[in-house]
Amino acid sequence: MATATTLRPVDLDRLRSEHPELRIVDVRTPGEFAGRHIPGSYNVPLPQLAEHRTELTAESTGPVVLVCESGRRAGQAERQLADAGLDRVHVLDGGVAAWESTGLQLVRSAGAAPWGLERQVRLVAGSIVATSIAASTIWPSARYVAGFVGAGLTFAALTDTCAMGMALAKLPYNTRQRGSCDLPVVVSQITETSEDRS
């Protein structure tokens, strides 16, 4: 299995101009992608990546850079693609957030940007904890709900997974907001463009 190369935003910007066959695959939700994304990137949400990894790992696709909001989901995507045999894979260190903080260009939606998945997880987890603590003044057993959420967040940090995030990613807010990802079209664009340049 190949080891992923982590790229800094400035390195990715340089690599794009040096290697036009490079593909930037953004594994965030369609809502997050619509809010802001790196120019020329393709949206293949992480939950749908497995069913299209054969097309993405074809030799003709060239090197692939995986992107998410902070780098965590891109790391998960890299493990999936590496298991499928992709040996030219990179992960953008710090994700779109790092790209933006470097001052590099982003494509932004005209309206208010949807909340990122990580922000949604913080809202839901925080709301559950605050509500269960408040409810524990009347129903003492409610404090166990807060403990369960805390244990879940600890497990998520230790395993670099997030069940709550995966569940939230499937909500209509994230899958259809501002136009959903037409995955077969995206995959055909990636492979057709790659074949044209090979």
C-alpha atoms as a PDB file:
ATOM      1  CA  MET A   1       0.000   0.000   0.000  1.00  0.00           C
ATOM      2  CA  ALA A   2       1.305   3.460  -0.908  1.00  0.00           C
ATOM      3  CA  THR A   3       1.789   6.179   1.643  1.00  0.00           C
ATOM      4  CA  ALA A   4      -0.064   9.432   1.136  1.00  0.00           C
ATOM      5  CA  THR A   5       1.941  12.579   0.672  1.00  0.00           C
ATOM      6  CA  THR A   6       0.677  15.519   2.679  1.00  0.00           C
ATOM      7  CA  LEU A   7       0.806  18.797   0.783  1.00  0.00           C
ATOM      8  CA  ARG A   8       0.785  22.325   2.112  1.00  0.00           C
ATOM      9  CA  PRO A   9      -1.584  24.707   0.293  1.00  0.00           C
ATOM     10  CA  VAL A  10       1.287  26.513  -1.454  1.00  0.00           C
ATOM     11  CA  ASP A  11       2.683  23.168  -2.646  1.00  0.00           C
ATOM     12  CA  LEU A  12      -0.694  22.169  -4.082  1.00  0.00           C
ATOM     13  CA  ASP A  13      -0.998  25.521  -5.851  1.00  0.00           C
ATOM     14  CA  ARG A  14       2.412  24.960  -7.470  1.00  0.00           C
ATOM     15  CA  LEU A  15       1.698  21.308  -8.260  1.00  0.00           C
ATOM     16  CA  ARG A  16      -1.540  22.234 -10.082  1.00  0.00           C
ATOM     17  CA  SER A  17       0.346  24.392 -12.560  1.00  0.00           C
ATOM     18  CA  GLU A  18       3.179  21.863 -13.026  1.00  0.00           C
ATOM     19  CA  HIS A  19       0.884  18.836 -13.478  1.00  0.00           C
ATOM     20  CA  PRO A  20      -2.337  19.648 -15.363  1.00  0.00           C
ATOM     21  CA  GLU A  21      -3.425  15.997 -15.096  1.00  0.00           C
ATOM     22  CA  LEU A  22      -3.657  16.359 -11.300  1.00  0.00           C
ATOM     23  CA  ARG A  23      -7.169  15.848  -9.884  1.00  0.00           C
ATOM     24  CA  ILE A  24      -8.395  17.594  -6.745  1.00  0.00           C
ATOM     25  CA  VAL A  25     -11.173  15.526  -5.160  1.00  0.00           C
ATOM     26  CA  ASP A  26     -13.137  17.283  -2.409  1.00  0.00           C
ATOM     27  CA  VAL A  27     -14.760  14.706  -0.105  1.00  0.00           C
ATOM     28  CA  ARG A  28     -16.943  17.143   1.846  1.00  0.00           C
ATOM     29  CA  THR A  29     -20.730  17.213   1.610  1.00  0.00           C
ATOM     30  CA  PRO A  30     -22.328  18.903  -1.430  1.00  0.00           C
ATOM     31  CA  GLY A  31     -23.527  21.716   0.853  1.00  0.00           C
ATOM     32  CA  GLU A  32     -20.020  22.433   2.121  1.00  0.00           C
ATOM     33  CA  PHE A  33     -18.600  22.195  -1.399  1.00  0.00           C
ATOM     34  CA  ALA A  34     -21.222  24.628  -2.730  1.00  0.00           C
ATOM     35  CA  GLY A  35     -20.356  27.130   0.002  1.00  0.00           C
ATOM     36  CA  ARG A  36     -16.685  27.332  -0.971  1.00  0.00           C
ATOM     37  CA  HIS A  37     -14.191  25.121  -2.751  1.00  0.00           C
ATOM     38  CA  ILE A  38     -10.820  25.133  -4.496  1.00  0.00           C
ATOM     39  CA  PRO A  39     -11.146  26.084  -8.181  1.00  0.00           C
ATOM     40  CA  GLY A  40     -11.087  23.055 -10.467  1.00  0.00           C
ATOM     41  CA  SER A  41     -11.880  20.567  -7.709  1.00  0.00           C
ATOM     42  CA  TYR A  42     -14.457  17.797  -8.025  1.00  0.00           C
ATOM     43  CA  ASN A  43     -16.964  16.933  -5.291  1.00  0.00           C
ATOM     44  CA  VAL A  44     -17.115  13.229  -4.409  1.00  0.00           C
ATOM     45  CA  PRO A  45     -18.600  13.046  -0.876  1.00  0.00           C
ATOM     46  CA  LEU A  46     -16.813  10.630   1.451  1.00  0.00           C
ATOM     47  CA  PRO A  47     -19.864   8.363   2.015  1.00  0.00           C
ATOM     48  CA  GLN A  48     -20.109   7.826  -1.771  1.00  0.00           C
ATOM     49  CA  LEU A  49     -16.385   7.467  -2.462  1.00  0.00           C
ATOM     50  CA  ALA A  50     -16.237   3.684  -2.031  1.00  0.00           C
ATOM     51  CA  GLU A  51     -18.699   2.971  -4.833  1.00  0.00           C
ATOM     52  CA  HIS A  52     -16.628   5.013  -7.326  1.00  0.00           C
ATOM     53  CA  ARG A  53     -13.106   4.279  -6.207  1.00  0.00           C
ATOM     54  CA  THR A  54     -12.473   2.010  -9.216  1.00  0.00           C
ATOM     55  CA  GLU A  55     -12.948   4.939 -11.623  1.00  0.00           C
ATOM     56  CA  LEU A  56     -10.910   7.266  -9.424  1.00  0.00           C
ATOM     57  CA  THR A  57      -8.030   4.819  -9.152  1.00  0.00           C
ATOM     58  CA  ALA A  58      -7.756   4.104 -12.884  1.00  0.00           C
ATOM     59  CA  GLU A  59      -4.253   4.740 -14.235  1.00  0.00           C
ATOM     60  CA  SER A  60      -5.543   7.414 -16.604  1.00  0.00           C
ATOM     61  CA  THR A  61      -6.760   9.660 -13.778  1.00  0.00           C
ATOM     62  CA  GLY A  62      -3.249  10.800 -12.850  1.00  0.00           C
ATOM     63  CA  PRO A  63      -2.278  11.973  -9.357  1.00  0.00           C
ATOM     64  CA  VAL A  64      -5.127  12.744  -6.971  1.00  0.00           C
ATOM     65  CA  VAL A  65      -5.185  15.278  -4.133  1.00  0.00           C
ATOM     66  CA  LEU A  66      -7.871  14.679  -1.525  1.00  0.00           C
ATOM     67  CA  VAL A  67      -9.396  17.685   0.212  1.00  0.00           C
ATOM     68  CA  CYS A  68     -11.896  18.228   3.011  1.00  0.00           C
ATOM     69  CA  GLU A  69     -12.465  21.010   5.538  1.00  0.00           C
ATOM     70  CA  SER A  70      -9.551  20.224   7.867  1.00  0.00           C
ATOM     71  CA  GLY A  71      -7.818  17.113   6.501  1.00  0.00           C
ATOM     72  CA  ARG A  72      -9.469  14.439   8.672  1.00  0.00           C
ATOM     73  CA  ARG A  73     -12.023  13.171   6.136  1.00  0.00           C
ATOM     74  CA  ALA A  74      -9.424  13.401   3.356  1.00  0.00           C
ATOM     75  CA  GLY A  75      -7.235  11.061   5.428  1.00  0.00           C
ATOM     76  CA  GLN A  76     -10.095   8.566   5.627  1.00  0.00           C
ATOM     77  CA  ALA A  77     -10.615   8.872   1.871  1.00  0.00           C
ATOM     78  CA  GLU A  78      -6.893   8.293   1.281  1.00  0.00           C
ATOM     79  CA  ARG A  79      -7.045   5.010   3.193  1.00  0.00           C
ATOM     80  CA  GLN A  80      -9.997   3.877   1.031  1.00  0.00           C
ATOM     81  CA  LEU A  81      -8.230   4.758  -2.229  1.00  0.00           C
ATOM     82  CA  ALA A  82      -4.919   3.260  -1.107  1.00  0.00           C
ATOM     83  CA  ASP A  83      -6.724  -0.006  -0.333  1.00  0.00           C
ATOM     84  CA  ALA A  84      -8.096   0.120  -3.906  1.00  0.00           C
ATOM     85  CA  GLY A  85      -4.566   0.451  -5.329  1.00  0.00           C
ATOM     86  CA  LEU A  86      -4.167   4.194  -5.959  1.00  0.00           C
ATOM     87  CA  ASP A  87      -0.470   4.912  -5.535  1.00  0.00           C
ATOM     88  CA  ARG A  88      -0.378   8.597  -6.493  1.00  0.00           C
ATOM     89  CA  VAL A  89      -2.459  10.125  -3.729  1.00  0.00           C
ATOM     90  CA  HIS A  90      -1.899  13.294  -1.736  1.00  0.00           C
ATOM     91  CA  VAL A  91      -3.839  14.886   1.118  1.00  0.00           C
ATOM     92  CA  LEU A  92      -4.099  18.655   1.513  1.00  0.00           C
ATOM     93  CA  ASP A  93      -2.762  19.402   4.989  1.00  0.00           C
ATOM     94  CA  GLY A  94      -5.331  21.443   6.881  1.00  0.00           C
ATOM     95  CA  GLY A  95      -7.883  21.180   4.066  1.00  0.00           C
ATOM     96  CA  VAL A  96      -9.905  24.041   2.641  1.00  0.00           C
ATOM     97  CA  ALA A  97      -9.519  25.947   5.921  1.00  0.00           C
ATOM     98  CA  ALA A  98      -5.715  26.005   5.491  1.00  0.00           C
ATOM     99  CA  TRP A  99      -6.058  26.898   1.789  1.00  0.00           C
ATOM    100  CA  GLU A 100      -8.278  29.845   2.738  1.00  0.00           C
ATOM    101  CA  SER A 101      -6.007  31.026   5.561  1.00  0.00           C
ATOM    102  CA  THR A 102      -3.084  31.072   3.113  1.00  0.00           C
ATOM    103  CA  GLY A 103      -5.038  33.563   0.998  1.00  0.00           C
ATOM    104  CA  LEU A 104      -5.372  31.335  -2.051  1.00  0.00           C
ATOM    105  CA  GLN A 105      -8.386  31.665  -4.345  1.00  0.00           C
ATOM    106  CA  LEU A 106     -11.669  29.913  -3.526  1.00  0.00           C
ATOM    107  CA  VAL A 107     -14.910  29.628  -5.467  1.00  0.00           C
ATOM    108  CA  ARG A 108     -17.655  30.932  -3.162  1.00  0.00           C
ATOM    109  CA  SER A 109     -21.437  30.702  -3.339  1.00  0.00           C
ATOM    110  CA  ALA A 110     -23.385  33.908  -3.838  1.00  0.00           C
ATOM    111  CA  GLY A 111     -25.548  33.499  -0.719  1.00  0.00           C
ATOM    112  CA  ALA A 112     -24.739  32.648   2.857  1.00  0.00           C
ATOM    113  CA  ALA A 113     -22.416  29.666   3.063  1.00  0.00           C
ATOM    114  CA  PRO A 114     -23.861  26.517   4.648  1.00  0.00           C
ATOM    115  CA  TRP A 115     -22.362  25.340   7.886  1.00  0.00           C
ATOM    116  CA  GLY A 116     -19.499  22.899   7.612  1.00  0.00           C
ATOM    117  CA  LEU A 117     -19.978  19.386   8.941  1.00  0.00           C
ATOM    118  CA  GLU A 118     -17.554  19.872  11.824  1.00  0.00           C
ATOM    119  CA  ARG A 119     -19.437  22.980  12.958  1.00  0.00           C
ATOM    120  CA  GLN A 120     -22.708  21.040  12.782  1.00  0.00           C
ATOM    121  CA  VAL A 121     -21.221  18.279  14.967  1.00  0.00           C
ATOM    122  CA  ARG A 122     -20.145  20.856  17.571  1.00  0.00           C
ATOM    123  CA  LEU A 123     -23.656  22.370  17.581  1.00  0.00           C
ATOM    124  CA  VAL A 124     -25.463  19.046  17.957  1.00  0.00           C
ATOM    125  CA  ALA A 125     -23.062  17.619  20.555  1.00  0.00           C
ATOM    126  CA  GLY A 126     -23.030  20.848  22.570  1.00  0.00           C
ATOM    127  CA  SER A 127     -26.811  21.142  22.451  1.00  0.00           C
ATOM    128  CA  ILE A 128     -27.289  17.557  23.642  1.00  0.00           C
ATOM    129  CA  VAL A 129     -24.838  18.044  26.526  1.00  0.00           C
ATOM    130  CA  ALA A 130     -26.327  21.396  27.600  1.00  0.00           C
ATOM    131  CA  THR A 131     -29.898  20.069  27.398  1.00  0.00           C
ATOM    132  CA  SER A 132     -29.119  16.884  29.312  1.00  0.00           C
ATOM    133  CA  ILE A 133     -27.302  18.792  32.072  1.00  0.00           C
ATOM    134  CA  ALA A 134     -30.237  21.219  32.375  1.00  0.00           C
ATOM    135  CA  ALA A 135     -32.692  18.301  32.388  1.00  0.00           C
ATOM    136  CA  SER A 136     -30.683  16.506  35.087  1.00  0.00           C
ATOM    137  CA  THR A 137     -31.946  19.040  37.659  1.00  0.00           C
ATOM    138  CA  ILE A 138     -35.383  17.457  37.226  1.00  0.00           C
ATOM    139  CA  TRP A 139     -34.430  14.003  35.952  1.00  0.00           C
ATOM    140  CA  PRO A 140     -31.016  13.057  37.433  1.00  0.00           C
ATOM    141  CA  SER A 141     -30.433  10.209  34.990  1.00  0.00           C
ATOM    142  CA  ALA A 142     -30.219  12.740  32.119  1.00  0.00           C
ATOM    143  CA  ARG A 143     -26.607  13.418  33.089  1.00  0.00           C
ATOM    144  CA  TYR A 144     -25.725  10.016  31.600  1.00  0.00           C
ATOM    145  CA  VAL A 145     -26.708  11.353  28.181  1.00  0.00           C
ATOM    146  CA  ALA A 146     -24.041  14.061  28.545  1.00  0.00           C
ATOM    147  CA  GLY A 147     -21.545  11.402  29.606  1.00  0.00           C
ATOM    148  CA  PHE A 148     -22.453   9.253  26.597  1.00  0.00           C
ATOM    149  CA  VAL A 149     -21.890  12.180  24.209  1.00  0.00           C
ATOM    150  CA  GLY A 150     -18.571  12.969  25.908  1.00  0.00           C
ATOM    151  CA  ALA A 151     -17.482   9.338  25.580  1.00  0.00           C
ATOM    152  CA  GLY A 152     -18.523   9.382  21.916  1.00  0.00           C
ATOM    153  CA  LEU A 153     -16.451  12.497  21.245  1.00  0.00           C
ATOM    154  CA  THR A 154     -13.455  10.950  23.006  1.00  0.00           C
ATOM    155  CA  PHE A 155     -13.808   7.778  20.925  1.00  0.00           C
ATOM    156  CA  ALA A 156     -14.123   9.904  17.770  1.00  0.00           C
ATOM    157  CA  ALA A 157     -10.875  11.708  18.600  1.00  0.00           C
ATOM    158  CA  LEU A 158      -8.975   8.507  19.402  1.00  0.00           C
ATOM    159  CA  THR A 159     -10.124   6.631  16.288  1.00  0.00           C
ATOM    160  CA  ASP A 160     -10.261   9.641  13.944  1.00  0.00           C
ATOM    161  CA  THR A 161     -13.857   8.752  13.047  1.00  0.00           C
ATOM    162  CA  CYS A 162     -17.134  10.459  13.867  1.00  0.00           C
ATOM    163  CA  ALA A 163     -20.424   8.575  13.846  1.00  0.00           C
ATOM    164  CA  MET A 164     -22.353  11.793  14.458  1.00  0.00           C
ATOM    165  CA  GLY A 165     -20.630  13.485  11.527  1.00  0.00           C
ATOM    166  CA  MET A 166     -21.372  10.529   9.248  1.00  0.00           C
ATOM    167  CA  ALA A 167     -25.035  10.619  10.288  1.00  0.00           C
ATOM    168  CA  LEU A 168     -25.280  14.401   9.782  1.00  0.00           C
ATOM    169  CA  ALA A 169     -23.659  14.092   6.333  1.00  0.00           C
ATOM    170  CA  LYS A 170     -26.669  12.035   5.212  1.00  0.00           C
ATOM    171  CA  LEU A 171     -29.245  14.668   6.171  1.00  0.00           C
ATOM    172  CA  PRO A 172     -31.004  16.499   3.301  1.00  0.00           C
ATOM    173  CA  TYR A 173     -29.435  19.781   4.474  1.00  0.00           C
ATOM    174  CA  ASN A 174     -26.020  18.405   3.560  1.00  0.00           C
ATOM    175  CA  THR A 175     -26.871  16.236   0.572  1.00  0.00           C
ATOM    176  CA  ARG A 176     -29.163  18.563  -1.353  1.00  0.00           C
ATOM    177  CA  GLN A 177     -28.465  22.108  -0.200  1.00  0.00           C
ATOM    178  CA  ARG A 178     -27.610  24.393  -3.116  1.00  0.00           C
ATOM    179  CA  GLY A 179     -27.701  21.533  -5.592  1.00  0.00           C
ATOM    180  CA  SER A 180     -26.594  18.014  -4.915  1.00  0.00           C
ATOM    181  CA  CYS A 181     -23.576  16.255  -6.325  1.00  0.00           C
ATOM    182  CA  ASP A 182     -24.366  14.325  -9.529  1.00  0.00           C
ATOM    183  CA  LEU A 183     -21.709  11.717  -8.868  1.00  0.00           C
ATOM    184  CA  PRO A 184     -21.817   9.827 -12.185  1.00  0.00           C
ATOM    185  CA  VAL A 185     -21.294  13.143 -14.019  1.00  0.00           C
ATOM    186  CA  VAL A 186     -18.410  14.127 -11.724  1.00  0.00           C
ATOM    187  CA  VAL A 187     -16.709  10.737 -12.139  1.00  0.00           C
ATOM    188  CA  SER A 188     -17.086  10.867 -15.937  1.00  0.00           C
ATOM    189  CA  GLN A 189     -15.626  14.408 -15.971  1.00  0.00           C
ATOM    190  CA  ILE A 190     -12.620  13.253 -13.965  1.00  0.00           C
ATOM    191  CA  THR A 191     -11.929  10.247 -16.173  1.00  0.00           C
ATOM    192  CA  GLU A 192     -12.701  11.986 -19.506  1.00  0.00           C
ATOM    193  CA  THR A 193     -10.461  14.949 -18.702  1.00  0.00           C
ATOM    194  CA  SER A 194      -7.711  12.573 -17.645  1.00  0.00           C
ATOM    195  CA  GLU A 195      -7.983  10.546 -20.855  1.00  0.00           C
ATOM    196  CA  ASP A 196      -7.891  13.741 -22.961  1.00  0.00           C
ATOM    197  CA  ARG A 197      -4.600  14.742 -21.327  1.00  0.00           C
ATOM    198  CA  SER A 198      -2.952  11.311 -21.446  1.00  0.00           C
END
